[in-house]
PDB file of N, CA and C in Angstrom:
ATOM      1  N   MET A   1      14.768  -3.236  -6.552  1.00  0.00           N
ATOM      2  CA  MET A   1      13.851  -2.803  -7.726  1.00  0.00           C
ATOM      3  C   MET A   1      12.515  -2.058  -7.049  1.00  0.00           C
ATOM      4  N   ILE A   2      11.372  -2.803  -6.131  1.00  0.00           N
ATOM      5  CA  ILE A   2      10.533  -2.211  -5.518  1.00  0.00           C
ATOM      6  C   ILE A   2      11.056  -0.938  -5.186  1.00  0.00           C
ATOM      7  N   LYS A   3      12.278  -0.616  -4.461  1.00  0.00           N
ATOM      8  CA  LYS A   3      12.531   0.531  -3.757  1.00  0.00           C
ATOM      9  C   LYS A   3      12.964   1.603  -5.141  1.00  0.00           C
ATOM     10  N   LYS A   4      13.140   1.435  -6.262  1.00  0.00           N
ATOM     11  CA  LYS A   4      13.053   2.438  -7.286  1.00  0.00           C
ATOM     12  C   LYS A   4      11.867   2.940  -7.868  1.00  0.00           C
ATOM     13  N   ILE A   5      10.934   1.702  -8.134  1.00  0.00           N
ATOM     14  CA  ILE A   5       9.583   2.298  -8.508  1.00  0.00           C
ATOM     15  C   ILE A   5       9.009   2.653  -7.930  1.00  0.00           C
ATOM     16  N   TYR A   6       9.346   2.883  -5.902  1.00  0.00           N
ATOM     17  CA  TYR A   6       8.391   3.319  -5.169  1.00  0.00           C
ATOM     18  C   TYR A   6       8.976   4.850  -5.213  1.00  0.00           C
ATOM     19  N   LYS A   7      10.290   5.325  -5.272  1.00  0.00           N
ATOM     20  CA  LYS A   7      11.002   6.474  -5.134  1.00  0.00           C
ATOM     21  C   LYS A   7      10.762   7.539  -6.799  1.00  0.00           C
ATOM     22  N   THR A   8      10.656   6.680  -7.534  1.00  0.00           N
ATOM     23  CA  THR A   8      10.581   7.427  -8.644  1.00  0.00           C
ATOM     24  C   THR A   8       8.584   7.875  -8.926  1.00  0.00           C
ATOM     25  N   VAL A   9       8.091   6.854  -8.287  1.00  0.00           N
ATOM     26  CA  VAL A   9       6.333   7.320  -7.930  1.00  0.00           C
ATOM     27  C   VAL A   9       6.539   8.297  -7.154  1.00  0.00           C
ATOM     28  N   LYS A  10       6.893   7.903  -5.939  1.00  0.00           N
ATOM     29  CA  LYS A  10       7.243   9.029  -5.088  1.00  0.00           C
ATOM     30  C   LYS A  10       8.094  10.750  -5.741  1.00  0.00           C
ATOM     31  N   SER A  11       8.578  10.884  -6.597  1.00  0.00           N
ATOM     32  CA  SER A  11       9.144  12.023  -7.152  1.00  0.00           C
ATOM     33  C   SER A  11       7.983  12.689  -7.570  1.00  0.00           C
ATOM     34  N   PHE A  12       7.364  11.862  -9.107  1.00  0.00           N
ATOM     35  CA  PHE A  12       6.111  11.862  -9.878  1.00  0.00           C
ATOM     36  C   PHE A  12       4.991  12.742  -9.197  1.00  0.00           C
ATOM     37  N   ILE A  13       4.797  12.201  -7.728  1.00  0.00           N
ATOM     38  CA  ILE A  13       3.506  12.835  -6.902  1.00  0.00           C
ATOM     39  C   ILE A  13       4.262  13.876  -6.565  1.00  0.00           C
ATOM     40  N   LEU A  14       5.183  14.078  -5.818  1.00  0.00           N
ATOM     41  CA  LEU A  14       5.563  15.323  -5.454  1.00  0.00           C
ATOM     42  C   LEU A  14       6.093  16.016  -6.097  1.00  0.00           C
ATOM     43  N   ALA A  15       6.306  16.206  -7.319  1.00  0.00           N
ATOM     44  CA  ALA A  15       6.140  17.310  -8.545  1.00  0.00           C
ATOM     45  C   ALA A  15       5.474  17.511  -8.912  1.00  0.00           C
ATOM     46  N   SER A  16       4.172  16.796  -9.115  1.00  0.00           N
ATOM     47  CA  SER A  16       3.039  17.376  -9.389  1.00  0.00           C
ATOM     48  C   SER A  16       2.424  18.358  -8.551  1.00  0.00           C
ATOM     49  N   PHE A  17       2.524  18.196  -6.934  1.00  0.00           N
ATOM     50  CA  PHE A  17       2.115  18.663  -6.077  1.00  0.00           C
ATOM     51  C   PHE A  17       2.769  19.994  -5.837  1.00  0.00           C
ATOM     52  N   LEU A  18       4.148  19.696  -6.873  1.00  0.00           N
ATOM     53  CA  LEU A  18       4.894  21.143  -6.112  1.00  0.00           C
ATOM     54  C   LEU A  18       4.326  22.327  -7.225  1.00  0.00           C
ATOM     55  N   ILE A  19       4.121  21.697  -8.619  1.00  0.00           N
ATOM     56  CA  ILE A  19       3.493  22.337  -9.455  1.00  0.00           C
ATOM     57  C   ILE A  19       2.021  22.993  -9.066  1.00  0.00           C
ATOM     58  N   TYR A  20       1.050  22.293  -8.682  1.00  0.00           N
ATOM     59  CA  TYR A  20       0.094  22.660  -8.611  1.00  0.00           C
ATOM     60  C   TYR A  20       0.174  23.926  -6.975  1.00  0.00           C
ATOM     61  N   GLY A  21       0.705  23.638  -6.726  1.00  0.00           N
ATOM     62  CA  GLY A  21       1.309  24.854  -5.374  1.00  0.00           C
ATOM     63  C   GLY A  21       1.890  25.994  -5.735  1.00  0.00           C
ATOM     64  N   TYR A  22       3.124  25.738  -6.699  1.00  0.00           N
ATOM     65  CA  TYR A  22       2.920  26.965  -7.710  1.00  0.00           C
ATOM     66  C   TYR A  22       2.238  27.477  -8.224  1.00  0.00           C
ATOM     67  N   ASN A  23       0.988  27.252  -9.060  1.00  0.00           N
ATOM     68  CA  ASN A  23       0.181  27.338  -9.587  1.00  0.00           C
ATOM     69  C   ASN A  23      -0.845  28.506  -8.915  1.00  0.00           C
ATOM     70  N   ILE A  24      -1.378  27.915  -7.468  1.00  0.00           N
ATOM     71  CA  ILE A  24      -2.123  28.375  -6.835  1.00  0.00           C
ATOM     72  C   ILE A  24      -1.656  29.771  -6.269  1.00  0.00           C
ATOM     73  N   ILE A  25      -0.091  30.019  -6.170  1.00  0.00           N
ATOM     74  CA  ILE A  25       0.348  30.991  -5.462  1.00  0.00           C
ATOM     75  C   ILE A  25       0.659  32.267  -6.840  1.00  0.00           C
ATOM     76  N   ALA A  26       0.508  31.332  -8.052  1.00  0.00           N
ATOM     77  CA  ALA A  26       1.422  32.813  -8.960  1.00  0.00           C
ATOM     78  C   ALA A  26       0.079  32.846 -10.137  1.00  0.00           C
ATOM     79  N   ALA A  27      -1.041  32.352  -9.690  1.00  0.00           N
ATOM     80  CA  ALA A  27      -2.686  32.384 -10.772  1.00  0.00           C
ATOM     81  C   ALA A  27      -2.556  34.013 -10.669  1.00  0.00           C
ATOM     82  N   PRO A  28      -2.755  34.823  -9.529  1.00  0.00           N
ATOM     83  CA  PRO A  28      -3.006  36.242  -9.651  1.00  0.00           C
ATOM     84  C   PRO A  28      -2.231  36.639 -10.606  1.00  0.00           C
ATOM     85  N   LEU A  29      -0.826  36.391 -10.766  1.00  0.00           N
ATOM     86  CA  LEU A  29       0.054  36.930 -11.947  1.00  0.00           C
ATOM     87  C   LEU A  29       0.248  36.641 -13.623  1.00  0.00           C
ATOM     88  N   ASN A  30      -0.676  35.480 -13.398  1.00  0.00           N
ATOM     89  CA  ASN A  30      -1.138  34.882 -14.815  1.00  0.00           C
ATOM     90  C   ASN A  30       0.248  34.234 -15.263  1.00  0.00           C
ATOM     91  N   LEU A  31       0.780  33.581 -14.231  1.00  0.00           N
ATOM     92  CA  LEU A  31       2.208  32.509 -14.933  1.00  0.00           C
ATOM     93  C   LEU A  31       2.293  31.331 -14.028  1.00  0.00           C
ATOM     94  N   ILE A  32       0.874  30.743 -15.383  1.00  0.00           N
ATOM     95  CA  ILE A  32       0.384  29.076 -14.555  1.00  0.00           C
ATOM     96  C   ILE A  32       1.459  28.385 -15.439  1.00  0.00           C
ATOM     97  N   VAL A  33       1.820  27.306 -14.661  1.00  0.00           N
ATOM     98  CA  VAL A  33       2.859  26.089 -15.711  1.00  0.00           C
ATOM     99  C   VAL A  33       1.411  25.055 -15.454  1.00  0.00           C
ATOM    100  N   PRO A  34       1.309  24.708 -16.787  1.00  0.00           N
ATOM    101  CA  PRO A  34       0.100  23.415 -16.923  1.00  0.00           C
ATOM    102  C   PRO A  34       0.826  22.199 -16.443  1.00  0.00           C
ATOM    103  N   ILE A  35      -0.008  21.638 -15.759  1.00  0.00           N
ATOM    104  CA  ILE A  35       0.355  20.310 -15.030  1.00  0.00           C
ATOM    105  C   ILE A  35       0.406  19.261 -15.858  1.00  0.00           C
ATOM    106  N   ASN A  36       0.960  18.313 -17.235  1.00  0.00           N
ATOM    107  CA  ASN A  36       1.283  17.770 -18.501  1.00  0.00           C
ATOM    108  C   ASN A  36       2.241  16.740 -17.932  1.00  0.00           C
ATOM    109  N   PHE A  37       2.391  15.521 -18.363  1.00  0.00           N
ATOM    110  CA  PHE A  37       3.422  14.690 -18.669  1.00  0.00           C
ATOM    111  C   PHE A  37       4.428  15.288 -18.504  1.00  0.00           C
ATOM    112  N   LEU A  38       5.013  16.061 -19.420  1.00  0.00           N
ATOM    113  CA  LEU A  38       6.044  16.812 -19.654  1.00  0.00           C
ATOM    114  C   LEU A  38       6.927  17.316 -18.515  1.00  0.00           C
ATOM    115  N   THR A  39       5.903  18.264 -18.050  1.00  0.00           N
ATOM    116  CA  THR A  39       6.436  19.422 -17.253  1.00  0.00           C
ATOM    117  C   THR A  39       6.635  18.793 -15.979  1.00  0.00           C
ATOM    118  N   VAL A  40       5.615  17.716 -15.632  1.00  0.00           N
ATOM    119  CA  VAL A  40       5.574  16.845 -14.438  1.00  0.00           C
ATOM    120  C   VAL A  40       7.053  16.024 -14.192  1.00  0.00           C
ATOM    121  N   CYS A  41       7.442  15.402 -15.612  1.00  0.00           N
ATOM    122  CA  CYS A  41       8.522  14.642 -15.615  1.00  0.00           C
ATOM    123  C   CYS A  41      10.053  15.487 -15.557  1.00  0.00           C
ATOM    124  N   ILE A  42       9.797  17.004 -16.356  1.00  0.00           N
ATOM    125  CA  ILE A  42      11.079  17.731 -16.045  1.00  0.00           C
ATOM    126  C   ILE A  42      11.468  18.091 -14.414  1.00  0.00           C
ATOM    127  N   VAL A  43      10.070  18.385 -13.617  1.00  0.00           N
ATOM    128  CA  VAL A  43      10.107  18.672 -12.121  1.00  0.00           C
ATOM    129  C   VAL A  43      10.465  17.559 -11.295  1.00  0.00           C
ATOM    130  N   ALA A  44      10.072  16.346 -11.741  1.00  0.00           N
ATOM    131  CA  ALA A  44      10.946  15.351 -10.743  1.00  0.00           C
ATOM    132  C   ALA A  44      11.997  14.984 -10.978  1.00  0.00           C
ATOM    133  N   PHE A  45      12.385  14.882 -12.600  1.00  0.00           N
ATOM    134  CA  PHE A  45      13.772  14.634 -12.451  1.00  0.00           C
ATOM    135  C   PHE A  45      14.977  16.010 -11.940  1.00  0.00           C
ATOM    136  N   LEU A  46      14.785  17.092 -12.236  1.00  0.00           N
ATOM    137  CA  LEU A  46      15.295  18.688 -12.018  1.00  0.00           C
ATOM    138  C   LEU A  46      15.342  18.931 -10.834  1.00  0.00           C
ATOM    139  N   GLY A  47      14.027  18.625  -9.996  1.00  0.00           N
ATOM    140  CA  GLY A  47      13.905  19.327  -8.531  1.00  0.00           C
ATOM    141  C   GLY A  47      13.321  20.882  -9.234  1.00  0.00           C
ATOM    142  N   ILE A  48      13.209  21.209  -7.801  1.00  0.00           N
ATOM    143  CA  ILE A  48      12.558  22.619  -7.589  1.00  0.00           C
ATOM    144  C   ILE A  48      13.063  23.741  -8.838  1.00  0.00           C
ATOM    145  N   PRO A  49      14.043  24.029  -8.745  1.00  0.00           N
ATOM    146  CA  PRO A  49      15.275  25.271  -9.779  1.00  0.00           C
ATOM    147  C   PRO A  49      14.057  24.665 -11.123  1.00  0.00           C
ATOM    148  N   ALA A  50      13.586  23.421 -11.672  1.00  0.00           N
ATOM    149  CA  ALA A  50      13.357  23.231 -12.673  1.00  0.00           C
ATOM    150  C   ALA A  50      12.216  23.845 -12.894  1.00  0.00           C
ATOM    151  N   ILE A  51      10.911  23.960 -12.144  1.00  0.00           N
ATOM    152  CA  ILE A  51       9.705  24.816 -11.854  1.00  0.00           C
ATOM    153  C   ILE A  51       9.869  26.406 -12.325  1.00  0.00           C
ATOM    154  N   PHE A  52      11.288  26.969 -11.627  1.00  0.00           N
ATOM    155  CA  PHE A  52      11.905  28.438 -12.504  1.00  0.00           C
ATOM    156  C   PHE A  52      12.344  28.490 -13.586  1.00  0.00           C
ATOM    157  N   GLY A  53      12.664  27.276 -13.819  1.00  0.00           N
ATOM    158  CA  GLY A  53      13.100  27.230 -15.689  1.00  0.00           C
ATOM    159  C   GLY A  53      12.032  27.699 -16.437  1.00  0.00           C
ATOM    160  N   LEU A  54      10.957  26.615 -16.074  1.00  0.00           N
ATOM    161  CA  LEU A  54       9.384  26.343 -17.301  1.00  0.00           C
ATOM    162  C   LEU A  54       8.841  27.650 -16.803  1.00  0.00           C
ATOM    163  N   VAL A  55       9.084  28.711 -15.907  1.00  0.00           N
ATOM    164  CA  VAL A  55       8.064  29.689 -15.654  1.00  0.00           C
ATOM    165  C   VAL A  55       9.287  30.639 -16.703  1.00  0.00           C
ATOM    166  N   ILE A  56      10.556  30.719 -16.430  1.00  0.00           N
ATOM    167  CA  ILE A  56      11.283  31.545 -17.348  1.00  0.00           C
ATOM    168  C   ILE A  56      10.729  31.383 -18.813  1.00  0.00           C
ATOM    169  N   ILE A  57      10.881  29.829 -19.225  1.00  0.00           N
ATOM    170  CA  ILE A  57      10.673  29.538 -20.573  1.00  0.00           C
ATOM    171  C   ILE A  57       9.027  30.111 -21.147  1.00  0.00           C
ATOM    172  N   LEU A  58       8.099  29.875 -20.117  1.00  0.00           N
ATOM    173  CA  LEU A  58       6.691  30.232 -20.160  1.00  0.00           C
ATOM    174  C   LEU A  58       6.904  31.991 -20.446  1.00  0.00           C
ATOM    175  N   VAL A  59       8.095  32.972 -19.613  1.00  0.00           N
ATOM    176  CA  VAL A  59       7.870  34.336 -19.931  1.00  0.00           C
ATOM    177  C   VAL A  59       8.093  34.641 -21.228  1.00  0.00           C
ATOM    178  N   PHE A  60       9.286  34.141 -21.998  1.00  0.00           N
ATOM    179  CA  PHE A  60       9.721  34.640 -23.074  1.00  0.00           C
ATOM    180  C   PHE A  60       9.223  34.111 -24.158  1.00  0.00           C
ATOM    181  N   ILE A  61       8.777  32.732 -24.230  1.00  0.00           N
ATOM    182  CA  ILE A  61       7.559  32.642 -25.031  1.00  0.00           C
ATOM    183  C   ILE A  61       6.249  32.826 -25.721  1.00  0.00           C
ATOM    184  N   ALA A  62       5.510  33.020 -24.329  1.00  0.00           N
ATOM    185  CA  ALA A  62       4.305  33.251 -24.288  1.00  0.00           C
ATOM    186  C   ALA A  62       4.243  34.894 -24.145  1.00  0.00           C
TER     187      ALA A  62
END
């Protein structure tokens, strides 16, 4: 039980750092993905390809 909680918290922290790192790299292109609960959950559960999916959604909607 504790291992599952630890793994989940670890993936949420890693996901937030991944989104933050992406935002630093993509800031000159104005393709910034907001860091909020929904985006962190998506990246935590789906992984790195979810960041690219969020960027594609951002490009087509905004």
